[in-house]
Amino acid sequence: MRMMFQTLLDCGDQMMEKIGELSDRSLPIDSKDILARFTTDVIGSCAFGLDCNSFKKEDSEFREHGKNLFAPNFLRTLRILMIAFMPGLSKRIGVPIFERSLSNFYMEVVKGVVKYRDDNSIVRNDFMQILLELRDGKNENETSGSGLTMEELAAQAFVFFLAGFETSSTLMNFCLYELSQNEDVQEKARKDILDTLRKHGGEITYDSVMEMKYLQQVIDESLRKYPSIPTLLRKCTKDYQVPNSNIIIEKDTRIMISPYALQYDPEYYPEPNKFDPDRFSDENKAGRHPFVYLPFGEGPRICIGLRFGLMQSRVGLALILKDFKVKLNPKTVLPLGQNPRSFMLLAKNDLFLDMEKL
C-alpha cells in the first residue's frame, strides 16, 4: 500500500487538474465520469503497470473497456445468475461471466506488460511486480518455486481491477452526492482533512490520509447507504441451526445475504435514510453487532481489494474536499435512483456537481 501510494497521488493530481479546468470555466462536473477516470488510471497503473492517461485521452481504450465491464447487460446478468445458482452445469458447458472480447483484451495487456518488463528488466513498486515475483518464486510467501502461470497472473490482475475500479468510483460518487446535500457534514469532513494535513506539513501522505478519522466515517456511512454489492452469495458448509429458532440451514444450501437490508434495518441504524457519519464513531461501532455492516463481505471471502479501495477513495475525496466546496448542479435529476439492470448498486441518473474553489 505504501509503495503504491505515490501512484495514487500522481493520478489524483491529473484529476484535480481536470476539475480545476472545468471549475474555472464554470462548467458542471460529471462526477461519475471524473471519478471513474481517476480509478481507471490508478488501477491501470498499479495492476497492469500502464499509463492509461484517461484524462487527456477521451477515447482511452482502457477506459472504454472498463466502462463495458460494468455497463448493465442482460445476458451478462443472466450468466452471473446461472454461475451462482447452477455452478456445476455452468462449468460443464463453459459459461463465461464476461464476453470473450473483454477477456482477450486484458489477457493481451498482461502478456504485453510482462514481456516488456522481462525484456527490459523493469522493476516497479506495484501489484504487477508482486505477481511477477510470485511467478518466478521470488516472493517471500512463495517457496515452492512453482510460481504462477500466465493465465493465473492475468486473472489476479483482472480481479484487482474489478475490485478497485467501479466500486471505488461509485463509492466516491455517492459520497460526494451526500456531502453536497449535507453541508454541515461536508464542512466537518473538510476540517478533519485540513487539520490533519497541518500536522503533516500540508502534505498528503500515506500516514496523513490514514489519520483522517472523520473522513473515514463519511466513507463508512456512504457504504452503509450504498453498498456496491447489495447481495452476497454464499454456500453453507455444514448444517446450521439459526439461533433462537427451529430453522436449520442444511449443508450445501446456497444462500443470499443482503447487506443492503441489514444496513437499512432501523433496529441497528435508527432513521436509516438519514446520512449520519457519527454512526461510525468508535463508541457507536462498539455498541453494534459487527455483522450488520457488510459492504465488503466478511470472513475468508471478504473483498480482496478492501484496503486498496478505501485508500483510493480517501485520497480522491481528500484531494477534492481540501480545495473545493461541492454543490449539486441543477442539471442533476433527483432522486438519483438505482439502476435496476445492474448487478451492482449504481445510480440510475448522472450526478452533476458544481465545485467552488476555496
Protein backbone atom coordinates (compact mmCIF):
# COMPACT_ATOMS: atom_id res chain seq x y z
CA MET A 1 0.00 0.00 0.00
CA ARG A 2 2.77 2.42 0.89
CA MET A 3 4.71 1.53 -2.24
CA MET A 4 1.75 2.33 -4.48
CA PHE A 5 0.69 5.50 -2.67
CA GLN A 6 2.66 7.87 -4.91
CA THR A 7 0.85 6.44 -7.93
CA LEU A 8 -2.45 7.36 -6.27
CA LEU A 9 -1.25 10.92 -5.78
CA ASP A 10 0.05 11.25 -9.35
CA CYS A 11 -3.32 10.14 -10.75
CA GLY A 12 -5.07 12.39 -8.24
CA ASP A 13 -3.08 15.39 -9.46
CA GLN A 14 -4.32 14.74 -13.00
CA MET A 15 -7.90 14.53 -11.72
CA MET A 16 -7.55 17.82 -9.85
CA GLU A 17 -6.10 19.49 -12.93
CA LYS A 18 -9.19 18.45 -14.89
CA ILE A 19 -11.57 19.53 -12.14
CA GLY A 20 -9.80 22.89 -11.89
CA GLU A 21 -10.09 23.39 -15.63
CA LEU A 22 -13.85 22.68 -15.63
CA SER A 23 -14.39 24.77 -12.49
CA ASP A 24 -12.59 27.79 -13.98
CA ARG A 25 -14.96 27.60 -16.95
CA SER A 26 -17.99 27.32 -14.61
CA LEU A 27 -18.97 24.02 -16.22
CA PRO A 28 -20.96 21.31 -14.37
CA ILE A 29 -18.75 18.37 -13.43
CA ASP A 30 -19.89 14.87 -14.32
CA SER A 31 -18.86 13.31 -11.02
CA LYS A 32 -19.16 9.67 -12.10
CA ASP A 33 -17.07 10.17 -15.24
CA ILE A 34 -14.32 12.15 -13.49
CA LEU A 35 -14.01 9.65 -10.65
CA ALA A 36 -14.10 6.65 -13.00
CA ARG A 37 -11.20 8.14 -15.00
CA PHE A 38 -9.28 8.60 -11.75
CA THR A 39 -9.80 4.99 -10.66
CA THR A 40 -9.05 3.74 -14.19
CA ASP A 41 -5.66 5.49 -14.13
CA VAL A 42 -4.89 4.25 -10.60
CA ILE A 43 -5.79 0.62 -11.23
CA GLY A 44 -4.33 0.63 -14.73
CA SER A 45 -1.00 1.72 -13.30
CA CYS A 46 -0.97 -0.39 -10.11
CA ALA A 47 -2.46 -3.60 -11.52
CA PHE A 48 -1.22 -3.53 -15.12
CA GLY A 49 1.71 -1.12 -15.00
CA LEU A 50 0.18 1.09 -17.70
CA ASP A 51 -0.21 4.84 -18.06
CA CYS A 52 -3.86 4.95 -19.15
CA ASN A 53 -3.87 8.76 -19.32
CA SER A 54 -7.66 8.78 -19.42
CA PHE A 55 -7.97 12.49 -18.53
CA LYS A 56 -6.08 13.53 -21.65
CA LYS A 57 -7.30 10.73 -23.93
CA GLU A 58 -11.08 10.89 -24.02
CA ASP A 59 -11.25 7.65 -26.02
CA SER A 60 -8.74 5.73 -23.89
CA GLU A 61 -9.10 2.05 -24.77
CA PHE A 62 -8.58 1.00 -21.16
CA ARG A 63 -11.31 3.40 -20.01
CA GLU A 64 -13.77 2.16 -22.66
CA HIS A 65 -13.23 -1.49 -21.75
CA GLY A 66 -13.62 -0.58 -18.07
CA LYS A 67 -16.98 1.03 -18.84
CA ASN A 68 -18.08 -2.05 -20.77
CA LEU A 69 -17.18 -4.33 -17.86
CA PHE A 70 -19.81 -2.74 -15.63
CA ALA A 71 -22.36 -1.49 -18.12
CA PRO A 72 -25.81 -3.01 -17.44
CA ASN A 73 -26.04 -6.08 -19.66
CA PHE A 74 -28.96 -8.53 -19.55
CA LEU A 75 -27.05 -11.52 -20.94
CA ARG A 76 -24.14 -10.99 -18.55
CA THR A 77 -26.52 -10.74 -15.59
CA LEU A 78 -28.16 -13.96 -16.75
CA ARG A 79 -24.78 -15.70 -16.95
CA ILE A 80 -23.83 -14.47 -13.45
CA LEU A 81 -27.07 -15.84 -12.01
CA MET A 82 -26.55 -19.15 -13.81
CA ILE A 83 -23.00 -19.47 -12.45
CA ALA A 84 -24.23 -18.58 -8.95
CA PHE A 85 -27.15 -21.00 -8.82
CA MET A 86 -26.09 -23.73 -11.25
CA PRO A 87 -22.29 -23.82 -10.85
CA GLY A 88 -21.89 -27.47 -11.89
CA LEU A 89 -23.80 -27.11 -15.14
CA SER A 90 -22.19 -23.72 -15.87
CA LYS A 91 -18.72 -25.22 -15.50
CA ARG A 92 -19.55 -28.22 -17.70
CA ILE A 93 -20.84 -26.12 -20.59
CA GLY A 94 -18.25 -23.35 -20.10
CA VAL A 95 -20.45 -20.36 -19.25
CA PRO A 96 -18.23 -17.22 -19.09
CA ILE A 97 -19.09 -14.17 -16.99
CA PHE A 98 -17.54 -11.71 -19.42
CA GLU A 99 -17.55 -11.55 -23.19
CA ARG A 100 -14.60 -13.13 -24.98
CA SER A 101 -13.50 -9.76 -26.43
CA LEU A 102 -13.09 -8.32 -22.91
CA SER A 103 -11.18 -11.36 -21.65
CA ASN A 104 -8.88 -11.29 -24.67
CA PHE A 105 -8.16 -7.57 -24.22
CA TYR A 106 -6.99 -7.92 -20.62
CA MET A 107 -5.02 -11.10 -21.37
CA GLU A 108 -3.16 -9.36 -24.20
CA VAL A 109 -2.48 -6.33 -21.98
CA VAL A 110 -0.93 -8.55 -19.29
CA LYS A 111 1.16 -10.50 -21.81
CA GLY A 112 2.46 -7.24 -23.27
CA VAL A 113 3.38 -5.78 -19.89
CA VAL A 114 5.09 -8.98 -18.74
CA LYS A 115 7.11 -9.27 -21.94
CA TYR A 116 8.19 -5.61 -21.79
CA ARG A 117 9.32 -5.89 -18.18
CA ASP A 118 11.12 -9.17 -18.75
CA ASP A 119 12.89 -7.90 -21.87
CA ASN A 120 13.95 -4.62 -20.27
CA SER A 121 14.48 -5.74 -16.64
CA ILE A 122 11.86 -3.22 -15.44
CA VAL A 123 11.01 -3.19 -11.72
CA ARG A 124 8.16 -1.05 -10.33
CA ASN A 125 6.50 -0.73 -6.93
CA ASP A 126 3.10 -2.05 -7.96
CA PHE A 127 0.80 -5.04 -7.82
CA MET A 128 2.11 -6.41 -11.13
CA GLN A 129 5.62 -6.61 -9.67
CA ILE A 130 4.31 -8.74 -6.80
CA LEU A 131 2.67 -11.08 -9.33
CA LEU A 132 5.88 -11.35 -11.33
CA GLU A 133 7.80 -12.27 -8.18
CA LEU A 134 5.20 -14.94 -7.42
CA ARG A 135 5.58 -16.24 -10.97
CA ASP A 136 9.34 -16.51 -10.52
CA GLY A 137 9.14 -17.94 -6.99
CA LYS A 138 10.94 -14.90 -5.57
CA ASN A 139 8.20 -13.66 -3.26
CA GLU A 140 8.76 -14.36 0.45
CA ASN A 141 5.42 -16.22 0.57
CA GLU A 142 6.27 -18.45 -2.40
CA THR A 143 8.82 -21.12 -1.51
CA SER A 144 7.89 -23.99 -3.79
CA GLY A 145 9.23 -22.40 -6.96
CA SER A 146 6.09 -23.46 -8.86
CA GLY A 147 5.05 -19.83 -9.43
CA LEU A 148 2.04 -18.51 -11.32
CA THR A 149 1.06 -19.38 -14.88
CA MET A 150 0.38 -16.53 -17.30
CA GLU A 151 -3.36 -17.26 -17.04
CA GLU A 152 -3.25 -17.14 -13.22
CA LEU A 153 -1.20 -13.96 -13.29
CA ALA A 154 -3.65 -12.30 -15.68
CA ALA A 155 -6.61 -13.47 -13.57
CA GLN A 156 -5.16 -11.90 -10.41
CA ALA A 157 -4.52 -8.59 -12.18
CA PHE A 158 -8.05 -8.68 -13.57
CA VAL A 159 -9.59 -9.35 -10.12
CA PHE A 160 -7.57 -6.43 -8.73
CA PHE A 161 -9.03 -4.23 -11.48
CA LEU A 162 -12.58 -5.46 -10.82
CA ALA A 163 -12.26 -4.92 -7.06
CA GLY A 164 -10.91 -1.38 -7.25
CA PHE A 165 -12.27 0.29 -10.37
CA GLU A 166 -16.07 0.61 -10.44
CA THR A 167 -16.63 0.03 -6.71
CA SER A 168 -14.35 2.90 -5.64
CA SER A 169 -15.60 5.39 -8.23
CA THR A 170 -19.22 4.56 -7.33
CA LEU A 171 -18.48 4.94 -3.61
CA MET A 172 -16.90 8.36 -4.11
CA ASN A 173 -19.75 9.41 -6.40
CA PHE A 174 -22.42 8.62 -3.78
CA CYS A 175 -20.23 10.16 -1.08
CA LEU A 176 -19.96 13.49 -2.94
CA TYR A 177 -23.71 13.42 -3.54
CA GLU A 178 -24.40 13.08 0.19
CA LEU A 179 -21.85 15.77 1.05
CA SER A 180 -23.48 18.15 -1.44
CA GLN A 181 -26.81 17.52 0.36
CA ASN A 182 -25.37 17.80 3.89
CA GLU A 183 -23.26 20.93 4.08
CA ASP A 184 -22.55 20.58 7.80
CA VAL A 185 -21.09 17.11 7.24
CA GLN A 186 -19.04 18.40 4.31
CA GLU A 187 -17.57 21.20 6.44
CA LYS A 188 -16.74 18.79 9.25
CA ALA A 189 -15.02 16.42 6.82
CA ARG A 190 -13.05 19.31 5.31
CA LYS A 191 -11.95 20.46 8.77
CA ASP A 192 -10.75 16.92 9.55
CA ILE A 193 -8.74 16.87 6.32
CA LEU A 194 -7.17 20.33 6.76
CA ASP A 195 -6.41 19.85 10.47
CA THR A 196 -4.69 16.55 9.72
CA LEU A 197 -2.68 18.00 6.85
CA ARG A 198 -1.44 20.86 9.05
CA LYS A 199 0.04 18.26 11.41
CA HIS A 200 1.89 16.74 8.44
CA GLY A 201 3.34 19.90 6.93
CA GLY A 202 0.46 20.34 4.49
CA GLU A 203 1.38 17.15 2.61
CA ILE A 204 -0.97 14.34 1.65
CA THR A 205 0.96 11.24 2.66
CA TYR A 206 0.03 7.67 3.47
CA ASP A 207 0.21 8.45 7.20
CA SER A 208 -1.79 11.69 6.99
CA VAL A 209 -4.58 10.07 4.99
CA MET A 210 -4.76 7.18 7.47
CA GLU A 211 -5.29 9.72 10.29
CA MET A 212 -8.37 11.34 8.67
CA LYS A 213 -10.81 9.68 11.04
CA TYR A 214 -13.98 11.64 10.26
CA LEU A 215 -13.40 11.30 6.52
CA GLN A 216 -13.35 7.51 7.03
CA GLN A 217 -16.63 7.78 8.95
CA VAL A 218 -18.13 9.62 5.97
CA ILE A 219 -16.95 6.82 3.69
CA ASP A 220 -18.31 4.15 6.06
CA GLU A 221 -21.73 5.83 6.16
CA SER A 222 -21.75 6.11 2.36
CA LEU A 223 -21.04 2.38 2.14
CA ARG A 224 -23.86 1.72 4.59
CA LYS A 225 -26.40 3.58 2.46
CA TYR A 226 -24.95 2.48 -0.87
CA PRO A 227 -23.20 -0.91 -0.62
CA SER A 228 -21.60 -1.57 -4.02
CA ILE A 229 -22.64 -5.23 -3.94
CA PRO A 230 -26.11 -5.28 -2.35
CA THR A 231 -26.31 -9.11 -2.23
CA LEU A 232 -23.72 -11.67 -1.09
CA LEU A 233 -23.92 -15.25 -2.37
CA ARG A 234 -22.64 -17.99 -0.06
CA LYS A 235 -22.88 -21.76 0.45
CA CYS A 236 -23.48 -23.35 3.84
CA THR A 237 -20.55 -25.69 4.66
CA LYS A 238 -22.34 -27.62 7.44
CA ASP A 239 -25.82 -27.95 8.95
CA TYR A 240 -26.57 -24.79 10.91
CA GLN A 241 -29.43 -24.03 13.28
CA VAL A 242 -30.42 -20.38 13.25
CA PRO A 243 -30.19 -19.09 16.85
CA ASN A 244 -33.47 -18.78 18.77
CA SER A 245 -35.39 -20.71 16.11
CA ASN A 246 -36.15 -24.19 14.82
CA ILE A 247 -34.84 -23.33 11.35
CA ILE A 248 -31.93 -25.45 10.12
CA ILE A 249 -29.93 -24.43 7.06
CA GLU A 250 -28.68 -27.69 5.60
CA LYS A 251 -25.18 -28.29 4.36
CA ASP A 252 -24.55 -27.21 0.73
CA THR A 253 -27.58 -24.89 0.73
CA ARG A 254 -26.90 -21.78 -1.32
CA ILE A 255 -27.98 -18.63 0.47
CA MET A 256 -28.25 -14.93 -0.31
CA ILE A 257 -27.30 -12.36 2.34
CA SER A 258 -28.46 -8.78 1.86
CA PRO A 259 -26.07 -6.15 3.26
CA TYR A 260 -28.46 -3.56 1.86
CA ALA A 261 -31.35 -4.85 4.02
CA LEU A 262 -29.18 -5.22 7.12
CA GLN A 263 -27.74 -1.74 6.73
CA TYR A 264 -31.20 -0.16 6.45
CA ASP A 265 -32.67 -2.06 9.40
CA PRO A 266 -33.88 0.57 11.93
CA GLU A 267 -33.14 -1.88 14.77
CA TYR A 268 -29.43 -1.34 14.10
CA TYR A 269 -29.48 2.01 12.31
CA PRO A 270 -32.23 4.37 13.58
CA GLU A 271 -33.52 6.71 10.85
CA PRO A 272 -31.72 4.62 8.20
CA ASN A 273 -32.38 7.09 5.36
CA LYS A 274 -30.53 9.83 7.22
CA PHE A 275 -26.85 10.36 6.32
CA ASP A 276 -25.08 10.35 9.67
CA PRO A 277 -21.31 9.56 9.79
CA ASP A 278 -21.42 9.63 13.61
CA ARG A 279 -22.93 6.14 13.41
CA PHE A 280 -19.34 5.03 12.83
CA SER A 281 -17.69 6.71 15.79
CA ASP A 282 -15.70 4.26 17.92
CA GLU A 283 -18.37 4.36 20.63
CA ASN A 284 -21.30 3.68 18.30
CA LYS A 285 -19.49 0.89 16.44
CA ALA A 286 -18.63 -0.83 19.73
CA GLY A 287 -22.31 -0.94 20.68
CA ARG A 288 -23.46 -2.56 17.44
CA HIS A 289 -23.16 -6.13 16.18
CA PRO A 290 -20.23 -6.15 13.70
CA PHE A 291 -22.03 -8.31 11.13
CA VAL A 292 -24.84 -5.85 10.44
CA TYR A 293 -22.33 -3.90 8.35
CA LEU A 294 -21.13 -5.96 5.38
CA PRO A 295 -20.25 -3.72 2.40
CA PHE A 296 -17.15 -5.85 1.73
CA GLY A 297 -18.49 -9.19 2.93
CA GLU A 298 -16.75 -10.86 5.85
CA GLY A 299 -14.57 -13.84 6.75
CA PRO A 300 -12.29 -15.70 4.31
CA ARG A 301 -14.35 -14.45 1.33
CA ILE A 302 -14.01 -10.78 2.29
CA CYS A 303 -13.27 -8.42 -0.63
CA ILE A 304 -9.65 -8.77 -1.74
CA GLY A 305 -9.47 -5.09 -2.69
CA LEU A 306 -10.88 -3.68 0.56
CA ARG A 307 -7.82 -1.81 1.83
CA PHE A 308 -6.75 -0.56 -1.56
CA GLY A 309 -10.27 0.58 -2.46
CA LEU A 310 -10.64 2.51 0.79
CA MET A 311 -7.23 4.12 0.38
CA GLN A 312 -8.04 5.12 -3.19
CA SER A 313 -11.35 6.65 -2.05
CA ARG A 314 -9.75 8.53 0.84
CA VAL A 315 -7.14 10.08 -1.43
CA GLY A 316 -9.66 11.09 -4.11
CA LEU A 317 -12.07 12.66 -1.61
CA ALA A 318 -9.31 14.38 0.41
CA LEU A 319 -7.87 15.99 -2.74
CA ILE A 320 -11.28 17.32 -3.79
CA LEU A 321 -12.58 18.49 -0.41
CA LYS A 322 -9.42 20.31 0.67
CA ASP A 323 -9.62 22.63 -2.35
CA PHE A 324 -13.28 22.72 -3.40
CA LYS A 325 -16.74 23.22 -1.95
CA VAL A 326 -19.11 20.71 -3.54
CA LYS A 327 -22.66 21.71 -4.53
CA LEU A 328 -25.37 19.96 -6.52
CA ASN A 329 -25.80 21.27 -10.06
CA PRO A 330 -29.39 21.82 -11.30
CA LYS A 331 -28.62 19.50 -14.22
CA THR A 332 -28.81 16.53 -11.81
CA VAL A 333 -32.12 14.68 -11.92
CA LEU A 334 -33.33 13.76 -8.43
CA PRO A 335 -33.78 11.32 -6.89
CA LEU A 336 -30.63 9.65 -8.21
CA GLY A 337 -32.39 6.29 -8.02
CA GLN A 338 -30.84 2.86 -8.58
CA ASN A 339 -30.15 1.21 -11.91
CA PRO A 340 -32.40 -1.88 -11.97
CA ARG A 341 -30.38 -3.57 -14.73
CA SER A 342 -27.06 -3.68 -12.88
CA PHE A 343 -25.84 -6.40 -10.51
CA MET A 344 -24.05 -3.59 -8.64
CA LEU A 345 -25.71 -0.71 -6.83
CA LEU A 346 -25.30 2.10 -9.37
CA ALA A 347 -27.12 5.41 -9.60
CA LYS A 348 -29.81 5.48 -12.28
CA ASN A 349 -29.23 9.17 -13.05
CA ASP A 350 -25.96 11.00 -13.58
CA LEU A 351 -24.60 13.24 -10.82
CA PHE A 352 -23.52 16.72 -11.89
CA LEU A 353 -21.72 18.92 -9.37
CA ASP A 354 -20.53 22.49 -9.10
CA MET A 355 -17.13 22.68 -7.44
CA GLU A 356 -16.32 26.09 -5.98
CA LYS A 357 -12.63 26.81 -5.45
CA LEU A 358 -11.88 27.63 -1.81
